[in-house]
Amino acid sequence: MPLIALLFSSSTMAATAPSSAPSPAEIVDAAPATAWRDVAPERLLIMKLADGDRVVIELAPEFAPVHVANVVRLARSHQWDGGAITRVQDNYVVQWRVHDEASPLPEGFMAHPPAEYDRLLEGLDYTPLPYPDPYAAESGIASGWLVGREGAQIWPAQCYGVVGVGRDMPPDTGDGRELYVVNGEAPRQLDRNLAVVGRVLEGIEHLSALPRGPGKLGFHTDPRQDVLIASMTLAADLPAALRPAMQVMRTDSQSFHDYLAARAARRDPFFVHPAGGVSLCNVPVPSREKKTKHD
C-alpha cells in the first residue's frame, strides 16, 4: 500500500483506539463561545480576487499604525480595485500592488512612514513561550499576536499568513502600496526588517496555491500572468449584512492554553513520540467565521 494511503486509510483510523488526549483541531472545535473574541469590522480588510475568491485580513494597528492607516486610506479610495498580484515566490511570499502607483495619493496618506518594525511591550498583554527561539531572546504572544522579544521591545513574527509592506533598500520603509503575505515556512530573518500590517484569517489557500512566478524571486514576466484584484474593502464600509463575522481565539483562554500544550506535545493517536516543544510560528492563533442564526 502506498505510504500516503497508509497515512490516511479510513480503515486504519477506524481501527485505532480513541485517545483521551484531543488533537489541536479537536480542542479548537470544542472551544466554548467565551474562548473567542470578535474582530471589529474596522480591523477587517476583505480582498476579493477577480475570480470571486475572498481573503480576509485582520489589521494590526498596534504594531504599525501609520502603515495600517495608509492601507486603509488606499482601500477607501479604491486604489486596490483593479490592482494585481505580481509575484508568487515558492515557500516565501505572494506580493501585490495597487492598480496605478502614479495615481494621486489619498488625503492624509503618509508617503514616508517611520520604520514601524518593533515597539515597546508596554500596553499589551504578554505571555512568553517556554521554548528557545533562534530569532529572538524570547518569543511569546502579545495581545493575541505571535511576537519576538528582546528586553522591552517586541515585534510581530513573520509567520505563515502574516501580511507585510514591501519596500526598497533602507532607509525606505514602504508606504503600503505594495503588500505581501508569507506563503511558506516562516522567513523569520525578515523580523524587525519590514512593517507588519496584519494576518490572513480566511482564504490564505487562494494565495498560497497560485502558480509560481517564472521570473527572478517569483515575479511575473508577463502582465497576463498577473492575478487581478477586484477590490479590497474595509468591512466597516460594507452593509452590516455583508460583513464577515470573524473571531479569533482568546490567547488568555483555557482553550488556547490546551491548544498550545497539544501543539507542543502531540498525544493524539497518530503520534508515537511527542516533540515536547514547538516553535513560535507553529502555534497559529485559531480563527473562524462566527455562525449566525441565518446560517
C-alpha atoms as a PDB file:
ATOM      1  CA  MET A   1       0.000   0.000   0.000  1.00  0.00           C
ATOM      2  CA  PRO A   2       1.402   3.452  -0.846  1.00  0.00           C
ATOM      3  CA  LEU A   3       2.541   5.460   2.153  1.00  0.00           C
ATOM      4  CA  ILE A   4       0.005   8.237   1.534  1.00  0.00           C
ATOM      5  CA  ALA A   5      -2.807   5.691   1.506  1.00  0.00           C
ATOM      6  CA  LEU A   6      -1.480   4.143   4.693  1.00  0.00           C
ATOM      7  CA  LEU A   7      -1.365   7.503   6.446  1.00  0.00           C
ATOM      8  CA  PHE A   8      -4.940   8.374   5.660  1.00  0.00           C
ATOM      9  CA  SER A   9      -6.608   4.960   5.373  1.00  0.00           C
ATOM     10  CA  SER A  10     -10.105   5.149   6.826  1.00  0.00           C
ATOM     11  CA  SER A  11      -9.860   1.551   7.995  1.00  0.00           C
ATOM     12  CA  THR A  12      -6.611   2.330   9.831  1.00  0.00           C
ATOM     13  CA  MET A  13      -8.210   5.310  11.515  1.00  0.00           C
ATOM     14  CA  ALA A  14     -11.285   3.308  12.451  1.00  0.00           C
ATOM     15  CA  ALA A  15      -9.183   0.563  13.977  1.00  0.00           C
ATOM     16  CA  THR A  16      -7.210   2.971  16.141  1.00  0.00           C
ATOM     17  CA  ALA A  17      -8.369   3.103  19.718  1.00  0.00           C
ATOM     18  CA  PRO A  18      -9.612   6.536  20.747  1.00  0.00           C
ATOM     19  CA  SER A  19      -7.237   8.581  22.858  1.00  0.00           C
ATOM     20  CA  SER A  20      -8.055  10.699  25.861  1.00  0.00           C
ATOM     21  CA  ALA A  21      -5.712  13.394  24.503  1.00  0.00           C
ATOM     22  CA  PRO A  22      -7.501  15.572  21.937  1.00  0.00           C
ATOM     23  CA  SER A  23      -5.773  16.950  18.870  1.00  0.00           C
ATOM     24  CA  PRO A  24      -5.282  20.706  18.450  1.00  0.00           C
ATOM     25  CA  ALA A  25      -8.133  20.774  15.928  1.00  0.00           C
ATOM     26  CA  GLU A  26     -10.446  18.977  18.338  1.00  0.00           C
ATOM     27  CA  ILE A  27      -9.606  21.481  21.073  1.00  0.00           C
ATOM     28  CA  VAL A  28     -10.424  24.364  18.727  1.00  0.00           C
ATOM     29  CA  ASP A  29     -13.686  22.754  17.629  1.00  0.00           C
ATOM     30  CA  ALA A  30     -14.748  22.202  21.246  1.00  0.00           C
ATOM     31  CA  ALA A  31     -13.806  25.692  22.462  1.00  0.00           C
ATOM     32  CA  PRO A  32     -16.741  27.486  24.121  1.00  0.00           C
ATOM     33  CA  ALA A  33     -18.037  30.834  22.911  1.00  0.00           C
ATOM     34  CA  THR A  34     -16.181  32.559  25.752  1.00  0.00           C
ATOM     35  CA  ALA A  35     -12.857  31.422  24.253  1.00  0.00           C
ATOM     36  CA  TRP A  36     -13.362  33.618  21.190  1.00  0.00           C
ATOM     37  CA  ARG A  37     -13.205  37.366  20.596  1.00  0.00           C
ATOM     38  CA  ASP A  38     -14.977  39.210  17.816  1.00  0.00           C
ATOM     39  CA  VAL A  39     -12.797  41.125  15.370  1.00  0.00           C
ATOM     40  CA  ALA A  40     -14.100  44.664  14.920  1.00  0.00           C
ATOM     41  CA  PRO A  41     -15.114  45.474  11.323  1.00  0.00           C
ATOM     42  CA  GLU A  42     -12.712  48.431  11.409  1.00  0.00           C
ATOM     43  CA  ARG A  43      -9.882  45.885  11.652  1.00  0.00           C
ATOM     44  CA  LEU A  44     -11.002  43.619   8.816  1.00  0.00           C
ATOM     45  CA  LEU A  45      -9.832  44.084   5.242  1.00  0.00           C
ATOM     46  CA  ILE A  46     -11.560  41.977   2.603  1.00  0.00           C
ATOM     47  CA  MET A  47      -9.695  41.195  -0.591  1.00  0.00           C
ATOM     48  CA  LYS A  48     -11.788  39.945  -3.500  1.00  0.00           C
ATOM     49  CA  LEU A  49      -9.900  38.408  -6.389  1.00  0.00           C
ATOM     50  CA  ALA A  50     -11.228  38.750  -9.919  1.00  0.00           C
ATOM     51  CA  ASP A  51     -12.359  35.107  -9.901  1.00  0.00           C
ATOM     52  CA  GLY A  52     -14.512  35.730  -6.803  1.00  0.00           C
ATOM     53  CA  ASP A  53     -12.223  34.174  -4.201  1.00  0.00           C
ATOM     54  CA  ARG A  54     -12.177  36.003  -0.850  1.00  0.00           C
ATOM     55  CA  VAL A  55      -9.281  36.660   1.521  1.00  0.00           C
ATOM     56  CA  VAL A  56      -9.994  38.201   4.944  1.00  0.00           C
ATOM     57  CA  ILE A  57      -7.172  40.060   6.700  1.00  0.00           C
ATOM     58  CA  GLU A  58      -7.086  41.247  10.308  1.00  0.00           C
ATOM     59  CA  LEU A  59      -5.185  44.526  10.537  1.00  0.00           C
ATOM     60  CA  ALA A  60      -2.560  45.195  13.210  1.00  0.00           C
ATOM     61  CA  PRO A  61      -2.590  48.911  14.055  1.00  0.00           C
ATOM     62  CA  GLU A  62      -0.956  48.209  17.422  1.00  0.00           C
ATOM     63  CA  PHE A  63       2.264  47.316  15.575  1.00  0.00           C
ATOM     64  CA  ALA A  64       2.316  49.573  12.508  1.00  0.00           C
ATOM     65  CA  PRO A  65      -0.304  52.309  12.954  1.00  0.00           C
ATOM     66  CA  VAL A  66       0.935  54.604  10.178  1.00  0.00           C
ATOM     67  CA  HIS A  67       1.320  51.825   7.618  1.00  0.00           C
ATOM     68  CA  VAL A  68      -2.092  50.397   8.539  1.00  0.00           C
ATOM     69  CA  ALA A  69      -3.683  53.842   8.202  1.00  0.00           C
ATOM     70  CA  ASN A  70      -2.134  54.133   4.734  1.00  0.00           C
ATOM     71  CA  VAL A  71      -3.528  50.739   3.713  1.00  0.00           C
ATOM     72  CA  VAL A  72      -6.991  51.724   4.942  1.00  0.00           C
ATOM     73  CA  ARG A  73      -6.845  55.031   3.049  1.00  0.00           C
ATOM     74  CA  LEU A  74      -5.866  53.166  -0.112  1.00  0.00           C
ATOM     75  CA  ALA A  75      -8.819  50.820   0.356  1.00  0.00           C
ATOM     76  CA  ARG A  76     -11.268  53.662   0.957  1.00  0.00           C
ATOM     77  CA  SER A  77     -10.038  55.489  -2.148  1.00  0.00           C
ATOM     78  CA  HIS A  78     -10.407  52.242  -4.178  1.00  0.00           C
ATOM     79  CA  GLN A  79      -6.762  52.147  -5.204  1.00  0.00           C
ATOM     80  CA  TRP A  80      -6.596  48.399  -4.659  1.00  0.00           C
ATOM     81  CA  ASP A  81      -9.529  47.862  -7.046  1.00  0.00           C
ATOM     82  CA  GLY A  82      -8.014  46.634 -10.290  1.00  0.00           C
ATOM     83  CA  GLY A  83      -4.650  46.024  -8.648  1.00  0.00           C
ATOM     84  CA  ALA A  84      -2.733  42.825  -9.226  1.00  0.00           C
ATOM     85  CA  ILE A  85      -0.704  40.050  -7.678  1.00  0.00           C
ATOM     86  CA  THR A  86       2.620  40.356  -9.464  1.00  0.00           C
ATOM     87  CA  ARG A  87       4.847  37.967  -7.537  1.00  0.00           C
ATOM     88  CA  VAL A  88       4.405  34.415  -6.273  1.00  0.00           C
ATOM     89  CA  GLN A  89       7.662  33.027  -4.899  1.00  0.00           C
ATOM     90  CA  ASP A  90       7.615  29.435  -3.727  1.00  0.00           C
ATOM     91  CA  ASN A  91       7.914  28.985   0.041  1.00  0.00           C
ATOM     92  CA  TYR A  92       8.360  32.721   0.617  1.00  0.00           C
ATOM     93  CA  VAL A  93       5.803  35.403  -0.294  1.00  0.00           C
ATOM     94  CA  VAL A  94       2.934  36.413  -2.552  1.00  0.00           C
ATOM     95  CA  GLN A  95       3.080  40.132  -3.387  1.00  0.00           C
ATOM     96  CA  TRP A  96       0.513  42.555  -4.814  1.00  0.00           C
ATOM     97  CA  ARG A  97       0.180  46.249  -5.652  1.00  0.00           C
ATOM     98  CA  VAL A  98      -2.375  48.991  -6.239  1.00  0.00           C
ATOM     99  CA  HIS A  99      -3.786  49.462  -9.736  1.00  0.00           C
ATOM    100  CA  ASP A 100      -1.657  52.526 -10.547  1.00  0.00           C
ATOM    101  CA  GLU A 101       1.239  53.687  -8.398  1.00  0.00           C
ATOM    102  CA  ALA A 102       1.175  57.027 -10.246  1.00  0.00           C
ATOM    103  CA  SER A 103      -2.358  57.792  -9.007  1.00  0.00           C
ATOM    104  CA  PRO A 104      -2.738  60.771  -6.642  1.00  0.00           C
ATOM    105  CA  LEU A 105      -2.358  59.734  -3.018  1.00  0.00           C
ATOM    106  CA  PRO A 106      -5.449  59.959  -0.803  1.00  0.00           C
ATOM    107  CA  GLU A 107      -5.733  62.760   1.730  1.00  0.00           C
ATOM    108  CA  GLY A 108      -3.795  62.012   4.916  1.00  0.00           C
ATOM    109  CA  PHE A 109      -1.587  59.375   3.247  1.00  0.00           C
ATOM    110  CA  MET A 110       1.974  59.399   4.619  1.00  0.00           C
ATOM    111  CA  ALA A 111       4.446  58.925   1.787  1.00  0.00           C
ATOM    112  CA  HIS A 112       7.388  58.175   4.093  1.00  0.00           C
ATOM    113  CA  PRO A 113       6.212  56.311   7.205  1.00  0.00           C
ATOM    114  CA  PRO A 114       8.542  55.674  10.131  1.00  0.00           C
ATOM    115  CA  ALA A 115      10.236  52.287  10.465  1.00  0.00           C
ATOM    116  CA  GLU A 116       7.437  50.538  12.354  1.00  0.00           C
ATOM    117  CA  TYR A 117       9.339  47.296  12.784  1.00  0.00           C
ATOM    118  CA  ASP A 118       9.129  46.899  16.561  1.00  0.00           C
ATOM    119  CA  ARG A 119       7.544  48.608  19.555  1.00  0.00           C
ATOM    120  CA  LEU A 120       7.582  48.716  23.338  1.00  0.00           C
ATOM    121  CA  LEU A 121       5.770  45.888  25.086  1.00  0.00           C
ATOM    122  CA  GLU A 122       4.113  48.373  27.426  1.00  0.00           C
ATOM    123  CA  GLY A 123       0.340  48.458  27.000  1.00  0.00           C
ATOM    124  CA  LEU A 124      -0.019  44.920  25.652  1.00  0.00           C
ATOM    125  CA  ASP A 125      -0.752  41.662  27.449  1.00  0.00           C
ATOM    126  CA  TYR A 126       2.126  39.235  27.069  1.00  0.00           C
ATOM    127  CA  THR A 127       2.639  35.518  27.638  1.00  0.00           C
ATOM    128  CA  PRO A 128       6.097  34.037  26.924  1.00  0.00           C
ATOM    129  CA  LEU A 129       6.565  30.680  25.240  1.00  0.00           C
ATOM    130  CA  PRO A 130       8.702  28.349  27.373  1.00  0.00           C
ATOM    131  CA  TYR A 131      10.829  27.228  24.416  1.00  0.00           C
ATOM    132  CA  PRO A 132      14.013  28.707  22.894  1.00  0.00           C
ATOM    133  CA  ASP A 133      13.725  30.827  19.756  1.00  0.00           C
ATOM    134  CA  PRO A 134      16.696  31.118  17.356  1.00  0.00           C
ATOM    135  CA  TYR A 135      15.491  34.504  16.106  1.00  0.00           C
ATOM    136  CA  ALA A 136      14.844  36.283  19.402  1.00  0.00           C
ATOM    137  CA  ALA A 137      15.969  36.308  23.009  1.00  0.00           C
ATOM    138  CA  GLU A 138      12.412  35.229  23.792  1.00  0.00           C
ATOM    139  CA  SER A 139       9.166  34.696  21.936  1.00  0.00           C
ATOM    140  CA  GLY A 140       5.578  34.764  23.038  1.00  0.00           C
ATOM    141  CA  ILE A 141       2.096  36.101  22.450  1.00  0.00           C
ATOM    142  CA  ALA A 142       1.245  39.787  22.851  1.00  0.00           C
ATOM    143  CA  SER A 143      -2.459  40.638  22.858  1.00  0.00           C
ATOM    144  CA  GLY A 144      -3.151  37.726  20.536  1.00  0.00           C
ATOM    145  CA  TRP A 145      -0.203  38.209  18.155  1.00  0.00           C
ATOM    146  CA  LEU A 146       2.880  36.000  17.816  1.00  0.00           C
ATOM    147  CA  VAL A 147       5.928  38.099  18.663  1.00  0.00           C
ATOM    148  CA  GLY A 148       9.635  38.046  19.305  1.00  0.00           C
ATOM    149  CA  ARG A 149      11.018  39.925  22.282  1.00  0.00           C
ATOM    150  CA  GLU A 150      14.283  41.486  23.359  1.00  0.00           C
ATOM    151  CA  GLY A 151      14.112  43.364  26.635  1.00  0.00           C
ATOM    152  CA  ALA A 152      11.273  45.868  26.483  1.00  0.00           C
ATOM    153  CA  GLN A 153      10.952  45.639  22.683  1.00  0.00           C
ATOM    154  CA  ILE A 154       8.637  43.268  20.831  1.00  0.00           C
ATOM    155  CA  TRP A 155       7.871  42.714  17.148  1.00  0.00           C
ATOM    156  CA  PRO A 156       5.416  40.601  15.161  1.00  0.00           C
ATOM    157  CA  ALA A 157       6.957  37.420  13.799  1.00  0.00           C
ATOM    158  CA  GLN A 158       6.926  36.803  10.052  1.00  0.00           C
ATOM    159  CA  CYS A 159       4.842  33.637  10.241  1.00  0.00           C
ATOM    160  CA  TYR A 160       2.729  31.937   7.584  1.00  0.00           C
ATOM    161  CA  GLY A 161      -0.196  34.187   6.658  1.00  0.00           C
ATOM    162  CA  VAL A 162       1.364  37.395   8.001  1.00  0.00           C
ATOM    163  CA  VAL A 163       0.800  40.437   5.781  1.00  0.00           C
ATOM    164  CA  GLY A 164       3.617  42.958   5.463  1.00  0.00           C
ATOM    165  CA  VAL A 165       4.639  46.021   3.475  1.00  0.00           C
ATOM    166  CA  GLY A 166       7.021  45.708   0.551  1.00  0.00           C
ATOM    167  CA  ARG A 167       9.859  48.238   0.398  1.00  0.00           C
ATOM    168  CA  ASP A 168      13.056  49.144  -1.418  1.00  0.00           C
ATOM    169  CA  MET A 169      16.506  49.294   0.184  1.00  0.00           C
ATOM    170  CA  PRO A 170      16.822  51.144   3.530  1.00  0.00           C
ATOM    171  CA  PRO A 171      16.071  53.788   4.571  1.00  0.00           C
ATOM    172  CA  ASP A 172      12.866  53.194   2.566  1.00  0.00           C
ATOM    173  CA  THR A 173      10.150  51.686   4.784  1.00  0.00           C
ATOM    174  CA  GLY A 174       7.431  51.127   2.189  1.00  0.00           C
ATOM    175  CA  ASP A 175       4.237  53.151   2.101  1.00  0.00           C
ATOM    176  CA  GLY A 176       1.645  50.365   1.839  1.00  0.00           C
ATOM    177  CA  ARG A 177       1.004  50.398  -1.901  1.00  0.00           C
ATOM    178  CA  GLU A 178       2.752  47.040  -2.192  1.00  0.00           C
ATOM    179  CA  LEU A 179       1.856  44.289   0.252  1.00  0.00           C
ATOM    180  CA  TYR A 180       2.939  40.689   0.654  1.00  0.00           C
ATOM    181  CA  VAL A 181       1.785  37.628   2.539  1.00  0.00           C
ATOM    182  CA  VAL A 182       4.056  34.849   3.785  1.00  0.00           C
ATOM    183  CA  ASN A 183       3.130  31.672   1.893  1.00  0.00           C
ATOM    184  CA  GLY A 184       5.580  29.127   3.267  1.00  0.00           C
ATOM    185  CA  GLU A 185       7.954  28.313   6.092  1.00  0.00           C
ATOM    186  CA  ALA A 186       8.279  31.386   8.278  1.00  0.00           C
ATOM    187  CA  PRO A 187      11.080  33.669   6.956  1.00  0.00           C
ATOM    188  CA  ARG A 188      11.915  34.930  10.432  1.00  0.00           C
ATOM    189  CA  GLN A 189      15.030  36.682   9.113  1.00  0.00           C
ATOM    190  CA  LEU A 190      12.539  39.346   7.996  1.00  0.00           C
ATOM    191  CA  ASP A 191      11.559  40.060  11.618  1.00  0.00           C
ATOM    192  CA  ARG A 192      12.203  43.715  12.521  1.00  0.00           C
ATOM    193  CA  ASN A 193      13.061  44.471   8.893  1.00  0.00           C
ATOM    194  CA  LEU A 194       9.630  45.055   7.363  1.00  0.00           C
ATOM    195  CA  ALA A 195       6.410  46.556   8.678  1.00  0.00           C
ATOM    196  CA  VAL A 196       3.698  44.018   9.513  1.00  0.00           C
ATOM    197  CA  VAL A 197       0.166  45.293   8.919  1.00  0.00           C
ATOM    198  CA  GLY A 198      -1.915  42.193   9.584  1.00  0.00           C
ATOM    199  CA  ARG A 199      -2.539  38.486   9.123  1.00  0.00           C
ATOM    200  CA  VAL A 200      -4.845  36.404   6.961  1.00  0.00           C
ATOM    201  CA  LEU A 201      -7.758  34.926   8.903  1.00  0.00           C
ATOM    202  CA  GLU A 202      -9.506  33.276   5.978  1.00  0.00           C
ATOM    203  CA  GLY A 203      -8.653  32.397   2.383  1.00  0.00           C
ATOM    204  CA  ILE A 204      -4.876  32.024   2.532  1.00  0.00           C
ATOM    205  CA  GLU A 205      -5.232  28.997   0.230  1.00  0.00           C
ATOM    206  CA  HIS A 206      -6.332  31.315  -2.586  1.00  0.00           C
ATOM    207  CA  LEU A 207      -2.916  32.975  -2.414  1.00  0.00           C
ATOM    208  CA  SER A 208      -0.561  30.177  -1.384  1.00  0.00           C
ATOM    209  CA  ALA A 209      -1.790  27.843  -4.159  1.00  0.00           C
ATOM    210  CA  LEU A 210      -1.246  30.311  -7.014  1.00  0.00           C
ATOM    211  CA  PRO A 211       1.130  29.275  -9.826  1.00  0.00           C
ATOM    212  CA  ARG A 212       4.690  30.319  -9.045  1.00  0.00           C
ATOM    213  CA  GLY A 213       6.066  33.262 -10.981  1.00  0.00           C
ATOM    214  CA  PRO A 214       8.669  32.272 -13.590  1.00  0.00           C
ATOM    215  CA  GLY A 215      10.915  35.294 -13.092  1.00  0.00           C
ATOM    216  CA  LYS A 216      13.618  36.031 -10.555  1.00  0.00           C
ATOM    217  CA  LEU A 217      12.288  35.948  -6.974  1.00  0.00           C
ATOM    218  CA  GLY A 218       8.953  34.682  -8.296  1.00  0.00           C
ATOM    219  CA  PHE A 219       7.978  37.860 -10.148  1.00  0.00           C
ATOM    220  CA  HIS A 220       5.744  37.536 -13.174  1.00  0.00           C
ATOM    221  CA  THR A 221       7.427  38.175 -16.507  1.00  0.00           C
ATOM    222  CA  ASP A 222       4.247  38.914 -18.470  1.00  0.00           C
ATOM    223  CA  PRO A 223       1.265  41.027 -17.316  1.00  0.00           C
ATOM    224  CA  ARG A 224      -1.009  38.210 -18.463  1.00  0.00           C
ATOM    225  CA  GLN A 225       0.369  36.154 -15.577  1.00  0.00           C
ATOM    226  CA  ASP A 226      -0.848  38.693 -13.017  1.00  0.00           C
ATOM    227  CA  VAL A 227      -3.797  37.754 -10.802  1.00  0.00           C
ATOM    228  CA  LEU A 228      -6.232  40.654 -10.780  1.00  0.00           C
ATOM    229  CA  ILE A 229      -7.732  42.072  -7.599  1.00  0.00           C
ATOM    230  CA  ALA A 230     -11.383  43.089  -7.896  1.00  0.00           C
ATOM    231  CA  SER A 231     -11.404  45.052  -4.640  1.00  0.00           C
ATOM    232  CA  MET A 232     -10.014  45.478  -1.158  1.00  0.00           C
ATOM    233  CA  THR A 233     -12.640  46.830   1.226  1.00  0.00           C
ATOM    234  CA  LEU A 234     -12.728  47.606   4.923  1.00  0.00           C
ATOM    235  CA  ALA A 235     -15.517  45.549   6.498  1.00  0.00           C
ATOM    236  CA  ALA A 236     -16.756  48.644   8.334  1.00  0.00           C
ATOM    237  CA  ASP A 237     -17.570  50.208   4.951  1.00  0.00           C
ATOM    238  CA  LEU A 238     -19.872  47.331   3.963  1.00  0.00           C
ATOM    239  CA  PRO A 239     -23.544  46.959   4.906  1.00  0.00           C
ATOM    240  CA  ALA A 240     -23.772  45.043   8.188  1.00  0.00           C
ATOM    241  CA  ALA A 241     -25.341  42.028   6.460  1.00  0.00           C
ATOM    242  CA  LEU A 242     -22.318  41.668   4.169  1.00  0.00           C
ATOM    243  CA  ARG A 243     -19.606  41.921   6.812  1.00  0.00           C
ATOM    244  CA  PRO A 244     -17.806  38.680   7.695  1.00  0.00           C
ATOM    245  CA  ALA A 245     -18.260  37.970  11.412  1.00  0.00           C
ATOM    246  CA  MET A 246     -14.717  36.867  12.151  1.00  0.00           C
ATOM    247  CA  GLN A 247     -13.483  35.649  15.515  1.00  0.00           C
ATOM    248  CA  VAL A 248     -10.011  34.909  16.868  1.00  0.00           C
ATOM    249  CA  MET A 249      -9.342  32.633  19.827  1.00  0.00           C
ATOM    250  CA  ARG A 250      -8.556  34.482  23.039  1.00  0.00           C
ATOM    251  CA  THR A 251      -4.974  33.632  23.933  1.00  0.00           C
ATOM    252  CA  ASP A 252      -5.763  34.088  27.634  1.00  0.00           C
ATOM    253  CA  SER A 253      -8.410  31.340  27.494  1.00  0.00           C
ATOM    254  CA  GLN A 254      -8.119  27.797  28.821  1.00  0.00           C
ATOM    255  CA  SER A 255      -8.867  26.530  25.322  1.00  0.00           C
ATOM    256  CA  PHE A 256      -5.815  28.289  23.916  1.00  0.00           C
ATOM    257  CA  HIS A 257      -3.683  27.027  26.810  1.00  0.00           C
ATOM    258  CA  ASP A 258      -4.787  23.477  25.969  1.00  0.00           C
ATOM    259  CA  TYR A 259      -4.271  24.080  22.248  1.00  0.00           C
ATOM    260  CA  LEU A 260      -0.714  25.330  22.845  1.00  0.00           C
ATOM    261  CA  ALA A 261       0.094  22.308  25.007  1.00  0.00           C
ATOM    262  CA  ALA A 262      -1.265  19.980  22.337  1.00  0.00           C
ATOM    263  CA  ARG A 263       0.755  21.681  19.602  1.00  0.00           C
ATOM    264  CA  ALA A 264       3.907  21.225  21.683  1.00  0.00           C
ATOM    265  CA  ALA A 265       3.282  17.583  22.578  1.00  0.00           C
ATOM    266  CA  ARG A 266       1.000  15.724  20.177  1.00  0.00           C
ATOM    267  CA  ARG A 267      -0.550  12.801  22.032  1.00  0.00           C
ATOM    268  CA  ASP A 268      -3.470  12.069  19.714  1.00  0.00           C
ATOM    269  CA  PRO A 269      -3.493   8.544  18.204  1.00  0.00           C
ATOM    270  CA  PHE A 270      -1.308   9.091  15.121  1.00  0.00           C
ATOM    271  CA  PHE A 271       1.741  10.293  17.069  1.00  0.00           C
ATOM    272  CA  VAL A 272       4.246   7.902  18.633  1.00  0.00           C
ATOM    273  CA  HIS A 273       6.806  10.364  20.041  1.00  0.00           C
ATOM    274  CA  PRO A 274       5.549  13.785  21.240  1.00  0.00           C
ATOM    275  CA  ALA A 275       8.072  16.503  20.416  1.00  0.00           C
ATOM    276  CA  GLY A 276       7.904  18.282  23.751  1.00  0.00           C
ATOM    277  CA  GLY A 277       8.412  21.683  22.189  1.00  0.00           C
ATOM    278  CA  VAL A 278       7.092  23.984  19.496  1.00  0.00           C
ATOM    279  CA  SER A 279       8.365  26.955  17.508  1.00  0.00           C
ATOM    280  CA  LEU A 280       6.508  30.246  17.651  1.00  0.00           C
ATOM    281  CA  CYS A 281       5.098  30.080  14.134  1.00  0.00           C
ATOM    282  CA  ASN A 282       3.842  26.539  14.741  1.00  0.00           C
ATOM    283  CA  VAL A 283       1.235  27.968  17.107  1.00  0.00           C
ATOM    284  CA  PRO A 284      -1.042  29.889  14.718  1.00  0.00           C
ATOM    285  CA  VAL A 285      -3.790  31.616  16.673  1.00  0.00           C
ATOM    286  CA  PRO A 286      -7.056  29.937  15.594  1.00  0.00           C
ATOM    287  CA  SER A 287      -9.698  31.983  13.822  1.00  0.00           C
ATOM    288  CA  ARG A 288     -13.153  31.286  12.438  1.00  0.00           C
ATOM    289  CA  GLU A 289     -16.196  32.929  10.926  1.00  0.00           C
ATOM    290  CA  LYS A 290     -18.896  33.082  13.571  1.00  0.00           C
ATOM    291  CA  LYS A 291     -22.096  31.311  12.711  1.00  0.00           C
ATOM    292  CA  THR A 292     -25.207  33.447  12.761  1.00  0.00           C
ATOM    293  CA  LYS A 293     -28.818  32.465  13.209  1.00  0.00           C
ATOM    294  CA  HIS A 294     -29.251  32.867   9.440  1.00  0.00           C
ATOM    295  CA  ASP A 295     -26.517  30.319   8.579  1.00  0.00           C
END
